[in-house]
Amino acid sequence: MLQAVNLESARQKTTPTSTPRARAVFAGLALLAALAATPAALAQDTPTPPPPTPDSTSTSTSTTTAGPRVTSQVKFEGSRAASYDNRFEVYGGLSFMNGQAGQDLPKRYNMGGGEGMVTYWLGNHLGIAGDYRFEAGTTPLLPNPYYNRVLITQNIASGGVQWRGPKNRYAAVDYHALFGASRGVFDHAIQNYPGGSPVTAQQVGLYPNTTTPWGAVGGSIDFNYSANLAVRLSPDLIFEHFGTETREYVSVSLGAIYRFGKR
């Protein structure tokens, strides 16, 4: 009887207690460990086999105790991994950006659109970039009896530099800094109000149509599909000055890049 009680007590002590909180803590620690290991994994370049020649073969000879010498021929195939020795890089993708359409409006608004970027690589790390973005979305206004939300558009042209960071055959991390101008159109709905708008854009809290300095700092991670094609995810911190002060927003885009031209 005493032995059975001792066995049951030992079983209870060794049985793990699994709770939702413990599982969540474990999952969070695992995620942090994976994120911490990503830069180190990208920094390790994976060696690639040499390019093939028309008649290139490798002959290996092995001798065993059980039989005579055996000769085999193995043909090497060229690697499709990215070599990062391209001169040009073209990117196109869909983008998201938030903003504020008036100095005194209490809420920000969200825009969707597209981004295109061309990079001319001067070397292994430094490149010169030109970037264009179009964004559009609807914004809430100051309380009024005529409008609830109106359409806002921005055309953004900028240029700057890219810096290629850690990379391997599977992925690469790039950093960029861009500076340019954004043309904002805030009164599209008001100008097209049937019969003429009873209020102006400024009366409902909107900026006047104007062009303002614009900048972005951020980076991207490129997941290689082949030596020339990759999928890019690119987050940015945006700076603009439509009002009386510089304000900061966020942007992210997702698309594809194509590399071509050898340096």
C-alpha atoms as a PDB file:
ATOM      1  CA  MET A   1       0.000   0.000   0.000  1.00  0.00           C
ATOM      2  CA  LEU A   2       2.825   2.417   0.944  1.00  0.00           C
ATOM      3  CA  GLN A   3       4.665   1.588  -2.288  1.00  0.00           C
ATOM      4  CA  ALA A   4       1.559   2.422  -4.395  1.00  0.00           C
ATOM      5  CA  VAL A   5       1.177   5.786  -2.646  1.00  0.00           C
ATOM      6  CA  ASN A   6       4.849   6.596  -3.283  1.00  0.00           C
ATOM      7  CA  LEU A   7       4.521   5.663  -6.978  1.00  0.00           C
ATOM      8  CA  GLU A   8       1.451   7.904  -7.387  1.00  0.00           C
ATOM      9  CA  SER A   9       3.239  10.816  -5.665  1.00  0.00           C
ATOM     10  CA  ALA A  10       6.252  10.447  -7.932  1.00  0.00           C
ATOM     11  CA  ARG A  11       4.019  10.350 -11.015  1.00  0.00           C
ATOM     12  CA  GLN A  12       2.345  13.602  -9.967  1.00  0.00           C
ATOM     13  CA  LYS A  13       5.706  15.302  -9.423  1.00  0.00           C
ATOM     14  CA  THR A  14       7.082  14.304 -12.825  1.00  0.00           C
ATOM     15  CA  THR A  15       3.925  15.083 -14.854  1.00  0.00           C
ATOM     16  CA  PRO A  16       4.388  18.535 -16.504  1.00  0.00           C
ATOM     17  CA  THR A  17       1.693  21.109 -15.988  1.00  0.00           C
ATOM     18  CA  SER A  18       0.713  22.709 -19.310  1.00  0.00           C
ATOM     19  CA  THR A  19      -1.200  25.947 -19.172  1.00  0.00           C
ATOM     20  CA  PRO A  20      -2.069  28.440 -21.924  1.00  0.00           C
ATOM     21  CA  ARG A  21       0.205  31.006 -20.285  1.00  0.00           C
ATOM     22  CA  ALA A  22       3.157  28.603 -20.222  1.00  0.00           C
ATOM     23  CA  ARG A  23       2.602  27.696 -23.873  1.00  0.00           C
ATOM     24  CA  ALA A  24       2.428  31.377 -24.803  1.00  0.00           C
ATOM     25  CA  VAL A  25       5.672  32.135 -22.941  1.00  0.00           C
ATOM     26  CA  PHE A  26       7.405  29.218 -24.665  1.00  0.00           C
ATOM     27  CA  ALA A  27       6.148  30.321 -28.096  1.00  0.00           C
ATOM     28  CA  GLY A  28       7.315  33.885 -27.462  1.00  0.00           C
ATOM     29  CA  LEU A  29      10.788  32.737 -26.424  1.00  0.00           C
ATOM     30  CA  ALA A  30      11.011  30.535 -29.521  1.00  0.00           C
ATOM     31  CA  LEU A  31      10.008  33.444 -31.772  1.00  0.00           C
ATOM     32  CA  LEU A  32      12.582  35.755 -30.180  1.00  0.00           C
ATOM     33  CA  ALA A  33      15.275  33.129 -30.613  1.00  0.00           C
ATOM     34  CA  ALA A  34      14.380  32.713 -34.299  1.00  0.00           C
ATOM     35  CA  LEU A  35      14.444  36.485 -34.904  1.00  0.00           C
ATOM     36  CA  ALA A  36      17.789  36.820 -33.127  1.00  0.00           C
ATOM     37  CA  ALA A  37      19.296  34.088 -35.302  1.00  0.00           C
ATOM     38  CA  THR A  38      18.162  35.610 -38.631  1.00  0.00           C
ATOM     39  CA  PRO A  39      20.977  38.204 -39.112  1.00  0.00           C
ATOM     40  CA  ALA A  40      23.659  35.639 -38.291  1.00  0.00           C
ATOM     41  CA  ALA A  41      22.170  33.199 -40.768  1.00  0.00           C
ATOM     42  CA  LEU A  42      22.080  35.815 -43.527  1.00  0.00           C
ATOM     43  CA  ALA A  43      25.655  36.904 -42.803  1.00  0.00           C
ATOM     44  CA  GLN A  44      27.009  33.454 -43.599  1.00  0.00           C
ATOM     45  CA  ASP A  45      27.563  33.174 -47.323  1.00  0.00           C
ATOM     46  CA  THR A  46      26.763  29.733 -48.629  1.00  0.00           C
ATOM     47  CA  PRO A  47      29.476  28.455 -50.970  1.00  0.00           C
ATOM     48  CA  THR A  48      28.264  27.640 -54.467  1.00  0.00           C
ATOM     49  CA  PRO A  49      29.689  25.094 -56.891  1.00  0.00           C
ATOM     50  CA  PRO A  50      31.812  26.366 -59.810  1.00  0.00           C
ATOM     51  CA  PRO A  51      30.088  27.137 -63.141  1.00  0.00           C
ATOM     52  CA  PRO A  52      29.932  24.273 -65.630  1.00  0.00           C
ATOM     53  CA  THR A  53      31.920  23.923 -68.824  1.00  0.00           C
ATOM     54  CA  PRO A  54      30.635  22.049 -71.880  1.00  0.00           C
ATOM     55  CA  ASP A  55      32.680  18.936 -71.240  1.00  0.00           C
ATOM     56  CA  SER A  56      33.496  19.363 -67.576  1.00  0.00           C
ATOM     57  CA  THR A  57      33.492  16.103 -65.630  1.00  0.00           C
ATOM     58  CA  SER A  58      34.938  14.994 -62.354  1.00  0.00           C
ATOM     59  CA  THR A  59      36.511  11.598 -62.039  1.00  0.00           C
ATOM     60  CA  SER A  60      36.743   9.991 -58.643  1.00  0.00           C
ATOM     61  CA  THR A  61      38.516   6.754 -57.794  1.00  0.00           C
ATOM     62  CA  SER A  62      37.820   4.574 -54.786  1.00  0.00           C
ATOM     63  CA  THR A  63      39.344   1.299 -53.644  1.00  0.00           C
ATOM     64  CA  THR A  64      37.635  -1.160 -51.324  1.00  0.00           C
ATOM     65  CA  THR A  65      38.951  -4.260 -49.663  1.00  0.00           C
ATOM     66  CA  ALA A  66      36.175  -6.311 -51.185  1.00  0.00           C
ATOM     67  CA  GLY A  67      36.852  -5.551 -54.862  1.00  0.00           C
ATOM     68  CA  PRO A  68      38.928  -3.800 -57.520  1.00  0.00           C
ATOM     69  CA  ARG A  69      39.185  -0.040 -58.127  1.00  0.00           C
ATOM     70  CA  VAL A  70      35.900   1.584 -59.277  1.00  0.00           C
ATOM     71  CA  THR A  71      35.800   4.724 -61.444  1.00  0.00           C
ATOM     72  CA  SER A  72      32.694   6.963 -61.689  1.00  0.00           C
ATOM     73  CA  GLN A  73      31.951  10.178 -63.575  1.00  0.00           C
ATOM     74  CA  VAL A  74      29.779  12.968 -62.092  1.00  0.00           C
ATOM     75  CA  LYS A  75      28.688  16.069 -64.040  1.00  0.00           C
ATOM     76  CA  PHE A  76      28.297  19.333 -62.115  1.00  0.00           C
ATOM     77  CA  GLU A  77      25.406  21.662 -62.878  1.00  0.00           C
ATOM     78  CA  GLY A  78      25.739  25.449 -62.626  1.00  0.00           C
ATOM     79  CA  SER A  79      24.294  27.189 -59.586  1.00  0.00           C
ATOM     80  CA  ARG A  80      21.122  29.310 -59.901  1.00  0.00           C
ATOM     81  CA  ALA A  81      21.940  31.186 -56.694  1.00  0.00           C
ATOM     82  CA  ALA A  82      22.154  34.982 -56.685  1.00  0.00           C
ATOM     83  CA  SER A  83      25.704  36.257 -57.155  1.00  0.00           C
ATOM     84  CA  TYR A  84      24.915  39.951 -56.386  1.00  0.00           C
ATOM     85  CA  ASP A  85      27.273  41.152 -59.122  1.00  0.00           C
ATOM     86  CA  ASN A  86      24.502  42.845 -61.119  1.00  0.00           C
ATOM     87  CA  ARG A  87      24.703  46.458 -62.280  1.00  0.00           C
ATOM     88  CA  PHE A  88      20.949  47.233 -62.318  1.00  0.00           C
ATOM     89  CA  GLU A  89      17.974  46.305 -60.150  1.00  0.00           C
ATOM     90  CA  VAL A  90      14.291  47.095 -60.834  1.00  0.00           C
ATOM     91  CA  TYR A  91      11.599  46.800 -58.165  1.00  0.00           C
ATOM     92  CA  GLY A  92       7.822  47.056 -58.440  1.00  0.00           C
ATOM     93  CA  GLY A  93       5.186  46.334 -55.812  1.00  0.00           C
ATOM     94  CA  LEU A  94       2.041  47.268 -53.929  1.00  0.00           C
ATOM     95  CA  SER A  95       2.330  49.639 -50.983  1.00  0.00           C
ATOM     96  CA  PHE A  96       0.533  50.859 -47.866  1.00  0.00           C
ATOM     97  CA  MET A  97       1.125  54.230 -46.184  1.00  0.00           C
ATOM     98  CA  ASN A  98      -0.672  56.269 -43.555  1.00  0.00           C
ATOM     99  CA  GLY A  99      -0.793  60.046 -43.228  1.00  0.00           C
ATOM    100  CA  GLN A 100      -2.728  63.064 -42.028  1.00  0.00           C
ATOM    101  CA  ALA A 101      -4.710  65.228 -44.450  1.00  0.00           C
ATOM    102  CA  GLY A 102      -4.972  68.341 -42.286  1.00  0.00           C
ATOM    103  CA  GLN A 103      -3.052  70.109 -39.531  1.00  0.00           C
ATOM    104  CA  ASP A 104      -5.964  69.972 -37.067  1.00  0.00           C
ATOM    105  CA  LEU A 105      -7.660  66.730 -38.084  1.00  0.00           C
ATOM    106  CA  PRO A 106      -7.792  64.383 -35.071  1.00  0.00           C
ATOM    107  CA  LYS A 107      -7.343  61.146 -37.040  1.00  0.00           C
ATOM    108  CA  ARG A 108      -4.891  59.813 -39.565  1.00  0.00           C
ATOM    109  CA  TYR A 109      -5.913  58.066 -42.757  1.00  0.00           C
ATOM    110  CA  ASN A 110      -4.643  55.045 -44.696  1.00  0.00           C
ATOM    111  CA  MET A 111      -3.566  54.971 -48.326  1.00  0.00           C
ATOM    112  CA  GLY A 112      -2.868  52.160 -50.764  1.00  0.00           C
ATOM    113  CA  GLY A 113      -0.979  52.308 -54.033  1.00  0.00           C
ATOM    114  CA  GLY A 114       2.178  51.210 -55.790  1.00  0.00           C
ATOM    115  CA  GLU A 115       5.934  51.762 -55.713  1.00  0.00           C
ATOM    116  CA  GLY A 116       8.645  51.476 -58.351  1.00  0.00           C
ATOM    117  CA  MET A 117      12.390  51.738 -57.707  1.00  0.00           C
ATOM    118  CA  VAL A 118      15.446  51.518 -59.978  1.00  0.00           C
ATOM    119  CA  THR A 119      18.910  51.018 -58.468  1.00  0.00           C
ATOM    120  CA  TYR A 120      22.294  51.408 -60.161  1.00  0.00           C
ATOM    121  CA  TRP A 121      24.893  49.483 -58.143  1.00  0.00           C
ATOM    122  CA  LEU A 122      28.313  51.118 -57.985  1.00  0.00           C
ATOM    123  CA  GLY A 123      29.914  48.190 -56.180  1.00  0.00           C
ATOM    124  CA  ASN A 124      29.179  45.297 -53.857  1.00  0.00           C
ATOM    125  CA  HIS A 125      27.448  47.511 -51.288  1.00  0.00           C
ATOM    126  CA  LEU A 126      26.633  51.042 -52.539  1.00  0.00           C
ATOM    127  CA  GLY A 127      23.904  51.840 -55.061  1.00  0.00           C
ATOM    128  CA  ILE A 128      22.109  54.959 -56.350  1.00  0.00           C
ATOM    129  CA  ALA A 129      18.298  54.690 -56.325  1.00  0.00           C
ATOM    130  CA  GLY A 130      15.372  56.497 -57.929  1.00  0.00           C
ATOM    131  CA  ASP A 131      11.886  55.915 -56.488  1.00  0.00           C
ATOM    132  CA  TYR A 132       8.289  56.783 -57.459  1.00  0.00           C
ATOM    133  CA  ARG A 133       5.123  56.119 -55.436  1.00  0.00           C
ATOM    134  CA  PHE A 134       1.420  56.776 -55.943  1.00  0.00           C
ATOM    135  CA  GLU A 135      -0.862  56.611 -52.903  1.00  0.00           C
ATOM    136  CA  ALA A 136      -4.620  57.196 -52.511  1.00  0.00           C
ATOM    137  CA  GLY A 137      -7.101  56.900 -49.651  1.00  0.00           C
ATOM    138  CA  THR A 138     -10.052  58.514 -47.906  1.00  0.00           C
ATOM    139  CA  THR A 139      -9.784  60.638 -44.784  1.00  0.00           C
ATOM    140  CA  PRO A 140     -12.250  61.709 -42.055  1.00  0.00           C
ATOM    141  CA  LEU A 141     -12.912  65.465 -41.753  1.00  0.00           C
ATOM    142  CA  LEU A 142     -13.919  68.024 -39.177  1.00  0.00           C
ATOM    143  CA  PRO A 143     -17.659  67.676 -38.355  1.00  0.00           C
ATOM    144  CA  ASN A 144     -19.802  69.148 -41.147  1.00  0.00           C
ATOM    145  CA  PRO A 145     -23.188  68.399 -42.772  1.00  0.00           C
ATOM    146  CA  TYR A 146     -21.809  67.849 -46.296  1.00  0.00           C
ATOM    147  CA  TYR A 147     -18.932  65.341 -46.207  1.00  0.00           C
ATOM    148  CA  ASN A 148     -18.008  62.285 -44.183  1.00  0.00           C
ATOM    149  CA  ARG A 149     -14.803  61.110 -45.902  1.00  0.00           C
ATOM    150  CA  VAL A 150     -13.088  62.454 -49.027  1.00  0.00           C
ATOM    151  CA  LEU A 151     -10.437  61.090 -51.396  1.00  0.00           C
ATOM    152  CA  ILE A 152      -6.788  62.174 -51.039  1.00  0.00           C
ATOM    153  CA  THR A 153      -3.975  61.364 -53.492  1.00  0.00           C
ATOM    154  CA  GLN A 154      -0.200  61.748 -53.307  1.00  0.00           C
ATOM    155  CA  ASN A 155       2.376  61.500 -56.106  1.00  0.00           C
ATOM    156  CA  ILE A 156       5.859  61.041 -54.614  1.00  0.00           C
ATOM    157  CA  ALA A 157       9.184  61.208 -56.474  1.00  0.00           C
ATOM    158  CA  SER A 158      12.488  60.747 -54.659  1.00  0.00           C
ATOM    159  CA  GLY A 159      16.075  59.598 -54.986  1.00  0.00           C
ATOM    160  CA  GLY A 160      18.831  58.458 -52.696  1.00  0.00           C
ATOM    161  CA  VAL A 161      21.166  55.611 -51.860  1.00  0.00           C
ATOM    162  CA  GLN A 162      20.944  51.905 -51.086  1.00  0.00           C
ATOM    163  CA  TRP A 163      23.409  49.927 -49.017  1.00  0.00           C
ATOM    164  CA  ARG A 164      23.545  46.156 -49.326  1.00  0.00           C
ATOM    165  CA  GLY A 165      24.040  44.468 -45.983  1.00  0.00           C
ATOM    166  CA  PRO A 166      24.087  40.785 -44.947  1.00  0.00           C
ATOM    167  CA  LYS A 167      23.375  38.351 -47.767  1.00  0.00           C
ATOM    168  CA  ASN A 168      23.599  34.724 -48.813  1.00  0.00           C
ATOM    169  CA  ARG A 169      22.231  32.631 -51.648  1.00  0.00           C
ATOM    170  CA  TYR A 170      18.722  32.653 -50.159  1.00  0.00           C
ATOM    171  CA  ALA A 171      18.164  36.265 -49.054  1.00  0.00           C
ATOM    172  CA  ALA A 172      19.716  39.721 -48.727  1.00  0.00           C
ATOM    173  CA  VAL A 173      19.079  42.732 -46.498  1.00  0.00           C
ATOM    174  CA  ASP A 174      19.316  46.244 -48.009  1.00  0.00           C
ATOM    175  CA  TYR A 175      19.072  49.666 -46.351  1.00  0.00           C
ATOM    176  CA  HIS A 176      18.028  52.885 -48.092  1.00  0.00           C
ATOM    177  CA  ALA A 177      17.590  56.611 -47.519  1.00  0.00           C
ATOM    178  CA  LEU A 178      15.461  58.662 -49.952  1.00  0.00           C
ATOM    179  CA  PHE A 179      14.669  62.356 -50.302  1.00  0.00           C
ATOM    180  CA  GLY A 180      12.279  64.079 -52.691  1.00  0.00           C
ATOM    181  CA  ALA A 181       8.864  65.742 -52.923  1.00  0.00           C
ATOM    182  CA  SER A 182       5.217  64.757 -52.567  1.00  0.00           C
ATOM    183  CA  ARG A 183       2.380  66.403 -54.478  1.00  0.00           C
ATOM    184  CA  GLY A 184      -0.815  66.209 -52.406  1.00  0.00           C
ATOM    185  CA  VAL A 185      -4.290  66.706 -53.883  1.00  0.00           C
ATOM    186  CA  PHE A 186      -6.776  67.162 -51.027  1.00  0.00           C
ATOM    187  CA  ASP A 187      -9.799  68.817 -52.633  1.00  0.00           C
ATOM    188  CA  HIS A 188     -10.722  66.335 -55.389  1.00  0.00           C
ATOM    189  CA  ALA A 189     -14.153  65.569 -53.897  1.00  0.00           C
ATOM    190  CA  ILE A 190     -14.847  69.204 -53.080  1.00  0.00           C
ATOM    191  CA  GLN A 191     -13.971  70.417 -56.583  1.00  0.00           C
ATOM    192  CA  ASN A 192     -16.284  67.777 -58.067  1.00  0.00           C
ATOM    193  CA  TYR A 193     -19.243  68.345 -55.729  1.00  0.00           C
ATOM    194  CA  PRO A 194     -22.439  68.540 -57.869  1.00  0.00           C
ATOM    195  CA  GLY A 195     -23.454  72.146 -58.334  1.00  0.00           C
ATOM    196  CA  GLY A 196     -20.439  73.470 -56.448  1.00  0.00           C
ATOM    197  CA  SER A 197     -19.297  72.752 -52.914  1.00  0.00           C
ATOM    198  CA  PRO A 198     -20.905  74.784 -50.121  1.00  0.00           C
ATOM    199  CA  VAL A 199     -17.621  74.705 -48.139  1.00  0.00           C
ATOM    200  CA  THR A 200     -13.919  74.929 -48.992  1.00  0.00           C
ATOM    201  CA  ALA A 201     -11.296  72.278 -48.271  1.00  0.00           C
ATOM    202  CA  GLN A 202      -9.809  74.406 -45.484  1.00  0.00           C
ATOM    203  CA  GLN A 203     -13.204  74.775 -43.784  1.00  0.00           C
ATOM    204  CA  VAL A 204     -13.441  70.993 -43.281  1.00  0.00           C
ATOM    205  CA  GLY A 205      -9.840  70.750 -42.026  1.00  0.00           C
ATOM    206  CA  LEU A 206      -7.910  69.771 -45.188  1.00  0.00           C
ATOM    207  CA  TYR A 207      -4.551  71.034 -46.370  1.00  0.00           C
ATOM    208  CA  PRO A 208      -4.520  73.095 -49.569  1.00  0.00           C
ATOM    209  CA  ASN A 209      -3.176  71.324 -52.649  1.00  0.00           C
ATOM    210  CA  THR A 210       0.580  71.685 -52.420  1.00  0.00           C
ATOM    211  CA  THR A 211       3.978  70.078 -52.976  1.00  0.00           C
ATOM    212  CA  THR A 212       6.090  69.417 -49.892  1.00  0.00           C
ATOM    213  CA  PRO A 213       9.522  67.965 -49.050  1.00  0.00           C
ATOM    214  CA  TRP A 214       9.342  64.230 -48.416  1.00  0.00           C
ATOM    215  CA  GLY A 215      11.786  61.619 -47.152  1.00  0.00           C
ATOM    216  CA  ALA A 216      11.994  57.948 -46.234  1.00  0.00           C
ATOM    217  CA  VAL A 217      14.484  55.795 -44.351  1.00  0.00           C
ATOM    218  CA  GLY A 218      14.109  52.049 -44.168  1.00  0.00           C
ATOM    219  CA  GLY A 219      15.242  48.795 -45.633  1.00  0.00           C
ATOM    220  CA  SER A 220      14.167  45.649 -47.359  1.00  0.00           C
ATOM    221  CA  ILE A 221      14.663  41.913 -47.239  1.00  0.00           C
ATOM    222  CA  ASP A 222      14.864  40.132 -50.600  1.00  0.00           C
ATOM    223  CA  PHE A 223      13.974  36.435 -50.763  1.00  0.00           C
ATOM    224  CA  ASN A 224      15.702  35.003 -53.837  1.00  0.00           C
ATOM    225  CA  TYR A 225      13.681  32.924 -56.273  1.00  0.00           C
ATOM    226  CA  SER A 226      16.526  32.639 -58.777  1.00  0.00           C
ATOM    227  CA  ALA A 227      19.755  34.423 -59.670  1.00  0.00           C
ATOM    228  CA  ASN A 228      17.781  37.342 -61.156  1.00  0.00           C
ATOM    229  CA  LEU A 229      14.367  37.287 -59.439  1.00  0.00           C
ATOM    230  CA  ALA A 230      13.467  37.891 -55.802  1.00  0.00           C
ATOM    231  CA  VAL A 231      10.477  38.805 -53.633  1.00  0.00           C
ATOM    232  CA  ARG A 232      10.957  41.983 -51.591  1.00  0.00           C
ATOM    233  CA  LEU A 233       9.359  43.155 -48.326  1.00  0.00           C
ATOM    234  CA  SER A 234      10.225  46.790 -47.586  1.00  0.00           C
ATOM    235  CA  PRO A 235       9.155  48.828 -44.499  1.00  0.00           C
ATOM    236  CA  ASP A 236       9.840  52.596 -44.255  1.00  0.00           C
ATOM    237  CA  LEU A 237       9.632  55.505 -41.838  1.00  0.00           C
ATOM    238  CA  ILE A 238       8.174  58.474 -43.754  1.00  0.00           C
ATOM    239  CA  PHE A 239       8.777  62.202 -43.151  1.00  0.00           C
ATOM    240  CA  GLU A 240       6.573  64.939 -44.710  1.00  0.00           C
ATOM    241  CA  HIS A 241       5.887  68.633 -44.159  1.00  0.00           C
ATOM    242  CA  PHE A 242       2.434  69.492 -45.523  1.00  0.00           C
ATOM    243  CA  GLY A 243       1.567  71.500 -42.408  1.00  0.00           C
ATOM    244  CA  THR A 244       3.589  73.734 -40.105  1.00  0.00           C
ATOM    245  CA  GLU A 245       5.777  70.902 -38.814  1.00  0.00           C
ATOM    246  CA  THR A 246       7.491  67.732 -39.989  1.00  0.00           C
ATOM    247  CA  ARG A 247       5.488  64.629 -39.192  1.00  0.00           C
ATOM    248  CA  GLU A 248       6.392  60.939 -39.248  1.00  0.00           C
ATOM    249  CA  TYR A 249       4.382  58.057 -40.691  1.00  0.00           C
ATOM    250  CA  VAL A 250       4.896  54.435 -41.701  1.00  0.00           C
ATOM    251  CA  SER A 251       4.871  52.667 -45.038  1.00  0.00           C
ATOM    252  CA  VAL A 252       5.385  49.097 -46.215  1.00  0.00           C
ATOM    253  CA  SER A 253       5.496  47.571 -49.684  1.00  0.00           C
ATOM    254  CA  LEU A 254       5.605  44.057 -51.099  1.00  0.00           C
ATOM    255  CA  GLY A 255       6.641  43.139 -54.622  1.00  0.00           C
ATOM    256  CA  ALA A 256       9.300  41.640 -56.877  1.00  0.00           C
ATOM    257  CA  ILE A 257      12.754  42.707 -58.049  1.00  0.00           C
ATOM    258  CA  TYR A 258      14.650  41.829 -61.216  1.00  0.00           C
ATOM    259  CA  ARG A 259      18.442  42.029 -61.384  1.00  0.00           C
ATOM    260  CA  PHE A 260      20.356  42.351 -64.658  1.00  0.00           C
ATOM    261  CA  GLY A 261      23.619  43.598 -66.168  1.00  0.00           C
ATOM    262  CA  LYS A 262      27.024  42.492 -64.913  1.00  0.00           C
ATOM    263  CA  ARG A 263      29.443  44.909 -63.259  1.00  0.00           C
END
